[in-house]
Amino acid sequence: MRFLLLTACWCCLFRVALAAETPPEPKLAPKPELQPKNAVQAKLAALKPNHGILLGRADVIGEFNETARKYDLHKNGPRGRDFTIKMCWAPDRGRALFCGANHGVPHRLNDVWEFDLPSLTWVMLYAPDNTRGYVDLGKDTSDVEFRDGILYTKRGGPAVIGHTWWGLTYDPEQKQLLFMNTWVTDKKKAVTALGGNLEELYTGPPLWMFDPAKKTRRASKAAKPWPVPIFGGMLEYVPELKACIWHANNWQMQGTWRHDFAQETWTKMVPMNDKEGTGTERGNFADNSPQPEQVAYYDPARHVIVAARHHDTFEFEPKSTTWKRVLTGNKDDGQTPYAHDARCVMYHDPKSGHGLMAHFERSAGGNDDKPDRTLVLWAYDPAKTAWTKLTPEGDPPPTGNKRLAYVDPASNVLVVIDGVNVWAYRYK
């Protein structure tokens, strides 16, 4: 017996020692592998705080199909789109992801992209299927099929494609891009036209996932209960929950819900309205949480989501499931930006702990045919509950009317992209 116990103990010690000596698995480089450009690296290394610099023109690579080439995606990249300007940082890839459709012109596509700053490269990860109509599946529906209650393309992508508004986020645990793909398409009419059974049509939230490593897509099919997938809601990943939340505050729904990726379920975190018992304890949900058109980011140091909508600023604490309005502004105060998901983006800046907002403003005399736009940057200091308008030095930013922007934590810069023209700004 003693011999057996000693043997067991030695085996356990051997396993512990072996585990301690075994190095962690190396982090695999994302595909495609891209080589950093020395000129870009040098410019970023020399960039001073509160300075911007033009980095050059990005390369555009990918397996471009006929639809992509028709709209010059192989030349210009995705470009910013109507109500679709949010990009999501993927820490495991060290790149920023983008997808979502225009309102109608020049196209409504379901392509997916990522941007790599060190190599200054746009990468098309999923080439677009046929372009879609505003309320229907478009003129050519030969690539669409109805299966398992969902309108898919034959390549597995969404046949219905909407704006992202602020309904796009990246789940670093699952390594998936999540998109609340809600739109006005008449799904019943589309299913009928395809000869499908309307009783099989899934009517829950159209949450879609994209795996950038495998380049595959799938639709979530959660059972009830579920939230209302309003236009202009907020989808944001919360690390402490290891889940994303969906928030809405309008006539369709007042509530904040949590999505369980593994279980494929939705759970209500905050009551739909104050009549359900706990709403009064948390304050008035309608007044203390942002309405649609908000922009937001997660603050990992303070464990809250910071959201801005028009001139007001809000915070959501997942632990207590509490929303609160922390700052009320107005258009005449000169101290608060006008936050709107079609006009600006806002992200967390890890270096400073502040929020950075890039506001794409139209200057006097500008229009969509002759773009004449400027860029206004704002910083939000949560310790002071105050916004500051920034005045960057250095190279001026691009001024096109289809810009995108994101914070690149690896390079400590805010990146603004106008087609293939790339500008970077270092806050601190």
Protein backbone atom coordinates (compact mmCIF):
# COMPACT_ATOMS: atom_id res chain seq x y z
CA MET A 1 0.00 0.00 0.00
CA ARG A 2 2.82 2.41 0.95
CA PHE A 3 4.56 1.62 -2.33
CA LEU A 4 1.40 2.45 -4.27
CA LEU A 5 0.93 5.75 -2.40
CA LEU A 6 4.55 6.76 -2.95
CA THR A 7 4.28 5.88 -6.63
CA ALA A 8 1.11 7.96 -6.96
CA CYS A 9 2.75 10.92 -5.22
CA TRP A 10 5.82 10.75 -7.45
CA CYS A 11 3.56 10.61 -10.53
CA CYS A 12 1.68 13.70 -9.39
CA LEU A 13 4.94 15.59 -8.68
CA PHE A 14 6.28 14.57 -12.09
CA ARG A 15 3.15 15.89 -13.82
CA VAL A 16 3.37 19.21 -11.93
CA ALA A 17 7.06 19.60 -12.78
CA LEU A 18 6.43 18.71 -16.40
CA ALA A 19 3.57 21.22 -16.60
CA ALA A 20 5.76 23.92 -15.05
CA GLU A 21 8.55 23.28 -17.57
CA THR A 22 6.27 23.00 -20.60
CA PRO A 23 6.29 26.34 -22.42
CA PRO A 24 2.95 27.83 -23.50
CA GLU A 25 1.84 27.19 -27.03
CA PRO A 26 3.25 29.84 -29.36
CA LYS A 27 0.81 32.45 -30.57
CA LEU A 28 0.05 31.69 -34.18
CA ALA A 29 0.33 34.57 -36.61
CA PRO A 30 -2.99 35.42 -38.25
CA LYS A 31 -3.48 34.48 -41.86
CA PRO A 32 -2.55 35.94 -44.20
CA GLU A 33 0.87 36.72 -42.68
CA LEU A 34 1.84 40.29 -43.45
CA GLN A 35 5.27 41.87 -43.22
CA PRO A 36 5.53 45.21 -41.39
CA LYS A 37 6.75 48.09 -43.51
CA ASN A 38 9.88 49.75 -42.19
CA ALA A 39 8.75 53.23 -43.23
CA VAL A 40 5.48 52.85 -41.35
CA GLN A 41 7.23 51.50 -38.25
CA ALA A 42 9.68 54.40 -38.29
CA LYS A 43 6.93 56.99 -38.54
CA LEU A 44 4.97 55.41 -35.69
CA ALA A 45 8.08 55.17 -33.50
CA ALA A 46 8.82 58.87 -34.01
CA LEU A 47 5.24 60.06 -33.49
CA LYS A 48 4.90 62.46 -30.57
CA PRO A 49 1.87 62.84 -28.27
CA ASN A 50 -0.93 64.98 -29.72
CA HIS A 51 0.52 64.65 -33.19
CA GLY A 52 -0.86 63.11 -36.35
CA ILE A 53 1.02 61.70 -39.30
CA LEU A 54 0.13 60.45 -42.78
CA LEU A 55 1.41 56.90 -43.09
CA GLY A 56 0.79 56.43 -46.80
CA ARG A 57 -1.51 54.39 -49.01
CA ALA A 58 -2.62 50.95 -47.89
CA ASP A 59 -2.35 47.84 -50.01
CA VAL A 60 -5.59 45.96 -50.69
CA ILE A 61 -5.43 42.17 -50.91
CA GLY A 62 -7.87 39.27 -50.98
CA GLU A 63 -9.68 36.87 -53.24
CA PHE A 64 -11.76 39.39 -55.15
CA ASN A 65 -14.81 38.12 -57.00
CA GLU A 66 -16.83 39.79 -59.74
CA THR A 67 -18.99 41.73 -57.26
CA ALA A 68 -15.95 43.07 -55.42
CA ARG A 69 -14.31 44.23 -58.63
CA LYS A 70 -17.55 45.79 -59.91
CA TYR A 71 -17.46 48.22 -57.00
CA ASP A 72 -13.65 48.70 -57.01
CA LEU A 73 -13.21 47.08 -53.63
CA HIS A 74 -9.91 45.68 -54.89
CA LYS A 75 -8.67 49.27 -55.35
CA ASN A 76 -10.30 51.22 -52.51
CA GLY A 77 -10.96 48.69 -49.77
CA PRO A 78 -14.37 48.74 -48.04
CA ARG A 79 -14.58 52.49 -47.24
CA GLY A 80 -16.92 53.85 -44.58
CA ARG A 81 -20.61 53.14 -45.16
CA ASP A 82 -23.89 54.75 -44.12
CA PHE A 83 -24.48 54.09 -40.41
CA THR A 84 -21.63 51.57 -40.67
CA ILE A 85 -18.33 53.04 -39.49
CA LYS A 86 -17.43 51.03 -36.39
CA MET A 87 -14.31 48.85 -36.49
CA CYS A 88 -13.50 46.19 -33.88
CA TRP A 89 -10.03 45.47 -32.55
CA ALA A 90 -9.17 41.75 -32.45
CA PRO A 91 -6.35 41.42 -29.88
CA ASP A 92 -5.46 37.87 -30.84
CA ARG A 93 -4.96 38.94 -34.46
CA GLY A 94 -3.52 42.40 -33.80
CA ARG A 95 -5.85 43.78 -36.47
CA ALA A 96 -9.18 45.63 -36.73
CA LEU A 97 -12.25 44.03 -38.30
CA PHE A 98 -15.02 45.68 -40.33
CA CYS A 99 -18.30 44.71 -42.01
CA GLY A 100 -21.79 46.05 -42.68
CA ALA A 101 -23.87 47.55 -45.48
CA ASN A 102 -24.56 50.94 -46.98
CA HIS A 103 -28.05 52.42 -46.97
CA GLY A 104 -28.41 51.73 -50.67
CA VAL A 105 -25.85 53.49 -52.85
CA PRO A 106 -23.60 52.37 -54.43
CA HIS A 107 -24.13 48.86 -53.02
CA ARG A 108 -25.44 46.75 -50.13
CA LEU A 109 -22.81 44.08 -49.52
CA ASN A 110 -22.06 41.43 -46.89
CA ASP A 111 -18.25 41.45 -47.22
CA VAL A 112 -15.89 41.27 -44.21
CA TRP A 113 -12.49 42.98 -43.90
CA GLU A 114 -9.60 43.48 -41.55
CA PHE A 115 -6.96 46.19 -41.43
CA ASP A 116 -3.33 45.61 -40.45
CA LEU A 117 -1.49 48.78 -39.45
CA PRO A 118 2.19 47.66 -39.41
CA SER A 119 1.96 46.46 -43.02
CA LEU A 120 -0.58 49.12 -44.01
CA THR A 121 -2.89 46.53 -45.56
CA TRP A 122 -6.62 46.03 -46.08
CA VAL A 123 -7.43 42.31 -46.24
CA MET A 124 -10.73 41.07 -47.65
CA LEU A 125 -11.60 38.05 -45.49
CA TYR A 126 -15.00 37.33 -47.03
CA ALA A 127 -15.75 38.45 -50.58
CA PRO A 128 -19.27 39.83 -51.08
CA ASP A 129 -22.15 37.77 -52.32
CA ASN A 130 -24.61 39.45 -54.71
CA THR A 131 -25.60 42.97 -53.75
CA ARG A 132 -28.99 43.26 -52.03
CA GLY A 133 -31.94 45.59 -52.43
CA TYR A 134 -33.16 47.97 -49.75
CA VAL A 135 -36.24 45.95 -48.74
CA ASP A 136 -35.62 42.75 -50.70
CA LEU A 137 -32.85 40.36 -51.69
CA GLY A 138 -31.97 42.30 -54.83
CA LYS A 139 -32.27 41.61 -58.53
CA ASP A 140 -30.23 38.40 -58.49
CA THR A 141 -31.25 35.92 -55.78
CA SER A 142 -29.61 32.91 -57.39
CA ASP A 143 -27.07 32.78 -54.56
CA VAL A 144 -29.72 32.63 -51.78
CA GLU A 145 -31.24 29.61 -50.05
CA PHE A 146 -33.59 29.16 -47.11
CA ARG A 147 -32.42 26.54 -44.63
CA ASP A 148 -32.81 25.91 -40.93
CA GLY A 149 -35.11 28.93 -40.70
CA ILE A 150 -32.47 31.38 -41.95
CA LEU A 151 -31.90 33.17 -45.27
CA TYR A 152 -28.32 32.20 -46.14
CA THR A 153 -26.23 32.68 -49.23
CA LYS A 154 -24.91 29.47 -50.71
CA ARG A 155 -21.46 30.37 -49.36
CA GLY A 156 -22.88 30.55 -45.85
CA GLY A 157 -23.16 34.32 -45.48
CA PRO A 158 -26.17 36.43 -44.50
CA ALA A 159 -28.58 36.99 -47.39
CA VAL A 160 -30.07 39.89 -45.43
CA ILE A 161 -27.52 42.57 -44.56
CA GLY A 162 -28.01 45.67 -42.44
CA HIS A 163 -26.06 48.61 -41.06
CA THR A 164 -23.92 47.90 -38.03
CA TRP A 165 -24.82 51.11 -36.19
CA TRP A 166 -23.14 50.22 -32.85
CA GLY A 167 -24.25 46.59 -33.07
CA LEU A 168 -20.82 45.13 -33.84
CA THR A 169 -18.30 43.72 -31.36
CA TYR A 170 -15.44 41.23 -31.10
CA ASP A 171 -15.44 38.31 -28.65
CA PRO A 172 -11.77 37.53 -27.84
CA GLU A 173 -12.73 34.38 -25.93
CA GLN A 174 -14.52 32.85 -28.90
CA LYS A 175 -12.37 34.73 -31.43
CA GLN A 176 -15.48 35.74 -33.33
CA LEU A 177 -16.87 38.98 -34.74
CA LEU A 178 -20.49 39.39 -33.59
CA PHE A 179 -23.00 41.48 -35.55
CA MET A 180 -26.65 42.22 -34.71
CA ASN A 181 -27.67 42.13 -38.35
CA THR A 182 -31.10 43.75 -38.20
CA TRP A 183 -32.69 45.23 -41.32
CA VAL A 184 -36.03 46.06 -43.02
CA THR A 185 -35.99 43.22 -45.56
CA ASP A 186 -39.38 41.55 -45.94
CA LYS A 187 -38.20 38.07 -44.91
CA LYS A 188 -41.62 36.45 -45.27
CA LYS A 189 -41.91 37.63 -48.86
CA ALA A 190 -38.36 36.44 -49.57
CA VAL A 191 -38.96 33.00 -48.06
CA THR A 192 -42.19 32.60 -50.03
CA ALA A 193 -40.42 33.56 -53.26
CA LEU A 194 -37.83 30.87 -52.58
CA GLY A 195 -40.54 28.27 -51.96
CA GLY A 196 -39.77 27.98 -48.27
CA ASN A 197 -42.09 27.16 -45.38
CA LEU A 198 -42.96 30.31 -43.44
CA GLU A 199 -43.58 28.28 -40.30
CA GLU A 200 -39.86 27.46 -40.22
CA LEU A 201 -38.73 31.11 -40.39
CA TYR A 202 -36.65 32.08 -37.34
CA THR A 203 -37.99 35.32 -35.86
CA GLY A 204 -35.45 35.88 -33.07
CA PRO A 205 -32.55 38.37 -32.95
CA PRO A 206 -30.45 38.14 -36.15
CA LEU A 207 -27.10 37.80 -34.40
CA TRP A 208 -24.39 36.65 -36.81
CA MET A 209 -20.90 35.37 -36.05
CA PHE A 210 -17.81 35.51 -38.24
CA ASP A 211 -14.65 33.50 -37.55
CA PRO A 212 -11.75 35.45 -39.10
CA ALA A 213 -9.33 32.52 -38.81
CA LYS A 214 -11.63 30.04 -40.58
CA LYS A 215 -13.43 32.73 -42.63
CA THR A 216 -16.76 31.12 -41.80
CA ARG A 217 -20.10 32.65 -40.81
CA ARG A 218 -23.13 31.39 -38.95
CA ALA A 219 -26.38 32.74 -37.59
CA SER A 220 -27.39 32.41 -33.95
CA LYS A 221 -30.70 30.67 -33.25
CA ALA A 222 -31.49 31.31 -29.62
CA ALA A 223 -34.70 30.18 -27.97
CA LYS A 224 -36.99 32.63 -26.20
CA PRO A 225 -36.75 34.83 -24.23
CA TRP A 226 -34.81 37.22 -26.39
CA PRO A 227 -34.41 41.00 -26.83
CA VAL A 228 -35.85 43.13 -29.62
CA PRO A 229 -33.23 43.73 -32.35
CA ILE A 230 -33.94 47.43 -32.81
CA PHE A 231 -32.16 49.68 -35.30
CA GLY A 232 -29.30 51.56 -33.66
CA GLY A 233 -28.91 49.41 -30.56
CA MET A 234 -25.62 48.68 -28.82
CA LEU A 235 -23.70 45.39 -28.89
CA GLU A 236 -20.59 45.44 -26.70
CA TYR A 237 -18.32 42.70 -25.35
CA VAL A 238 -17.77 42.72 -21.56
CA PRO A 239 -14.62 40.80 -20.51
CA GLU A 240 -15.72 40.20 -16.91
CA LEU A 241 -18.90 38.54 -18.17
CA LYS A 242 -17.07 36.76 -21.00
CA ALA A 243 -20.14 37.69 -23.01
CA CYS A 244 -21.57 40.53 -25.04
CA ILE A 245 -24.54 42.66 -24.07
CA TRP A 246 -27.29 44.10 -26.24
CA HIS A 247 -28.84 47.39 -25.16
CA ALA A 248 -31.88 49.29 -26.40
CA ASN A 249 -33.87 52.19 -25.02
CA ASN A 250 -36.74 53.24 -27.27
CA TRP A 251 -40.42 52.54 -27.89
CA GLN A 252 -39.67 49.01 -29.08
CA MET A 253 -37.68 47.87 -26.07
CA GLN A 254 -36.15 49.23 -22.90
CA GLY A 255 -33.61 46.78 -21.60
CA THR A 256 -30.06 45.46 -21.50
CA TRP A 257 -29.54 41.77 -22.23
CA ARG A 258 -26.62 39.36 -21.97
CA HIS A 259 -25.82 36.79 -24.64
CA ASP A 260 -24.34 33.41 -23.71
CA PHE A 261 -22.29 32.27 -26.70
CA ALA A 262 -21.88 28.63 -25.65
CA GLN A 263 -25.48 28.09 -24.53
CA GLU A 264 -26.95 30.23 -27.32
CA THR A 265 -29.26 32.02 -24.87
CA TRP A 266 -30.26 35.56 -23.95
CA THR A 267 -30.74 36.73 -20.35
CA LYS A 268 -32.31 40.01 -19.32
CA MET A 269 -29.89 41.94 -17.08
CA VAL A 270 -31.87 45.13 -16.59
CA PRO A 271 -35.69 45.17 -16.38
CA MET A 272 -37.61 46.03 -19.51
CA ASN A 273 -39.29 48.83 -17.59
CA ASP A 274 -39.54 50.18 -14.07
CA LYS A 275 -42.78 48.32 -13.33
CA GLU A 276 -41.03 44.98 -12.96
CA GLY A 277 -39.90 45.47 -9.39
CA THR A 278 -36.21 46.31 -9.41
CA GLY A 279 -36.29 49.19 -11.86
CA THR A 280 -37.02 51.77 -9.16
CA GLU A 281 -34.00 50.64 -7.16
CA ARG A 282 -31.75 51.13 -10.17
CA GLY A 283 -33.31 54.44 -11.10
CA ASN A 284 -35.33 55.29 -14.15
CA PHE A 285 -33.95 53.18 -16.99
CA ALA A 286 -35.41 55.37 -19.74
CA ASP A 287 -33.75 58.52 -18.38
CA ASN A 288 -30.43 57.03 -17.25
CA SER A 289 -29.47 54.93 -20.27
CA PRO A 290 -28.70 56.00 -23.85
CA GLN A 291 -31.25 55.89 -26.63
CA PRO A 292 -30.43 54.62 -30.15
CA GLU A 293 -27.59 56.26 -32.10
CA GLN A 294 -25.23 55.89 -29.13
CA VAL A 295 -21.54 55.02 -29.40
CA ALA A 296 -19.71 53.22 -26.59
CA TYR A 297 -16.63 51.41 -25.31
CA TYR A 298 -15.70 49.16 -22.40
CA ASP A 299 -13.35 50.62 -19.76
CA PRO A 300 -11.34 47.66 -18.38
CA ALA A 301 -9.83 49.61 -15.48
CA ARG A 302 -13.16 50.84 -14.13
CA HIS A 303 -15.21 47.82 -15.28
CA VAL A 304 -17.90 49.94 -16.91
CA ILE A 305 -19.23 50.66 -20.36
CA VAL A 306 -19.03 54.34 -21.28
CA ALA A 307 -21.64 55.44 -23.79
CA ALA A 308 -22.30 58.79 -25.45
CA ARG A 309 -25.47 59.79 -27.22
CA HIS A 310 -25.93 63.27 -28.66
CA HIS A 311 -24.50 65.56 -25.96
CA ASP A 312 -25.04 63.23 -22.98
CA THR A 313 -22.68 60.66 -21.46
CA PHE A 314 -23.67 57.46 -19.63
CA GLU A 315 -22.09 54.56 -17.77
CA PHE A 316 -23.21 50.97 -17.31
CA GLU A 317 -21.83 48.82 -14.50
CA PRO A 318 -22.34 45.15 -15.39
CA LYS A 319 -21.75 43.97 -11.81
CA SER A 320 -24.70 45.91 -10.42
CA THR A 321 -26.53 46.02 -13.77
CA THR A 322 -26.90 49.77 -13.31
CA TRP A 323 -27.10 52.51 -15.90
CA LYS A 324 -26.52 56.13 -14.92
CA ARG A 325 -26.35 59.42 -16.78
CA VAL A 326 -23.04 60.96 -15.69
CA LEU A 327 -23.04 64.10 -17.83
CA THR A 328 -25.73 66.17 -19.51
CA GLY A 329 -24.71 68.58 -22.23
CA ASN A 330 -26.28 70.60 -25.03
CA LYS A 331 -25.41 71.87 -28.48
CA ASP A 332 -24.50 75.33 -27.19
CA ASP A 333 -22.18 74.41 -24.33
CA GLY A 334 -19.05 73.89 -26.44
CA GLN A 335 -17.94 71.29 -23.89
CA THR A 336 -19.57 68.13 -25.21
CA PRO A 337 -19.41 66.44 -28.63
CA TYR A 338 -22.45 65.44 -30.63
CA ALA A 339 -22.33 61.66 -30.45
CA HIS A 340 -24.13 59.80 -33.23
CA ASP A 341 -23.34 56.36 -34.66
CA ALA A 342 -23.46 57.66 -38.25
CA ARG A 343 -21.11 60.57 -37.60
CA CYS A 344 -18.52 59.42 -35.09
CA VAL A 345 -16.77 56.50 -33.45
CA MET A 346 -15.52 56.19 -29.88
CA TYR A 347 -13.01 53.77 -28.40
CA HIS A 348 -11.02 53.19 -25.22
CA ASP A 349 -7.43 54.43 -25.23
CA PRO A 350 -5.44 51.98 -23.04
CA LYS A 351 -2.43 54.28 -22.62
CA SER A 352 -4.40 57.10 -20.97
CA GLY A 353 -7.50 55.27 -19.77
CA HIS A 354 -9.56 57.91 -21.55
CA GLY A 355 -12.10 57.58 -24.32
CA LEU A 356 -11.21 58.89 -27.78
CA MET A 357 -13.88 60.07 -30.22
CA ALA A 358 -13.30 60.74 -33.90
CA HIS A 359 -16.08 62.95 -35.20
CA PHE A 360 -16.47 63.22 -38.95
CA GLU A 361 -17.97 66.68 -39.40
CA ARG A 362 -19.10 68.35 -42.60
CA SER A 363 -17.74 71.87 -42.94
CA ALA A 364 -19.71 74.74 -44.47
CA GLY A 365 -20.48 74.24 -48.14
CA GLY A 366 -19.73 70.53 -48.23
CA ASN A 367 -22.05 67.90 -49.65
CA ASP A 368 -21.92 64.23 -50.55
CA ASP A 369 -21.00 64.93 -54.20
CA LYS A 370 -18.23 67.34 -53.27
CA PRO A 371 -16.98 66.20 -49.88
CA ASP A 372 -15.57 68.99 -47.76
CA ARG A 373 -15.29 67.46 -44.32
CA THR A 374 -13.08 67.92 -41.34
CA LEU A 375 -12.15 65.66 -38.44
CA VAL A 376 -12.70 66.72 -34.85
CA LEU A 377 -11.15 64.67 -32.06
CA TRP A 378 -12.42 64.58 -28.49
CA ALA A 379 -11.10 62.91 -25.34
CA TYR A 380 -13.25 61.82 -22.40
CA ASP A 381 -11.66 61.79 -18.94
CA PRO A 382 -13.76 59.56 -16.66
CA ALA A 383 -12.01 60.86 -13.52
CA LYS A 384 -13.20 64.39 -14.29
CA THR A 385 -16.38 63.34 -16.11
CA ALA A 386 -15.39 65.83 -18.77
CA TRP A 387 -14.77 66.06 -22.50
CA THR A 388 -11.89 67.96 -24.12
CA LYS A 389 -11.72 68.98 -27.76
CA LEU A 390 -8.26 68.15 -29.09
CA THR A 391 -6.14 70.17 -31.49
CA PRO A 392 -3.66 67.75 -33.07
CA GLU A 393 -0.35 68.99 -34.44
CA GLY A 394 1.50 67.52 -37.39
CA ASP A 395 -0.01 66.28 -40.64
CA PRO A 396 -3.68 67.09 -41.24
CA PRO A 397 -6.05 64.09 -41.39
CA PRO A 398 -7.83 62.91 -44.57
CA THR A 399 -11.07 64.70 -45.37
CA GLY A 400 -13.10 62.27 -47.47
CA ASN A 401 -16.75 61.49 -46.79
CA LYS A 402 -16.32 57.71 -46.36
CA ARG A 403 -13.82 57.52 -43.51
CA LEU A 404 -13.29 54.84 -40.89
CA ALA A 405 -11.39 54.97 -37.60
CA TYR A 406 -10.28 52.72 -34.76
CA VAL A 407 -7.82 52.67 -31.86
CA ASP A 408 -4.82 50.39 -32.40
CA PRO A 409 -3.61 49.49 -28.87
CA ALA A 410 -0.54 47.67 -30.18
CA SER A 411 0.78 50.88 -31.79
CA ASN A 412 -0.82 53.33 -29.32
CA VAL A 413 -2.56 55.37 -32.01
CA LEU A 414 -5.98 56.31 -33.30
CA VAL A 415 -6.09 55.33 -36.97
CA VAL A 416 -8.23 57.19 -39.52
CA ILE A 417 -8.65 55.60 -42.95
CA ASP A 418 -10.08 57.29 -46.03
CA GLY A 419 -10.25 54.51 -48.62
CA VAL A 420 -6.57 53.58 -48.71
CA ASN A 421 -5.15 56.81 -47.26
CA VAL A 422 -4.06 56.20 -43.68
CA TRP A 423 -3.45 58.73 -40.91
CA ALA A 424 -2.46 58.00 -37.30
CA TYR A 425 -2.79 60.12 -34.17
CA ARG A 426 -1.05 59.59 -30.83
CA TYR A 427 -3.00 60.98 -27.88
CA LYS A 428 -0.55 60.33 -25.02
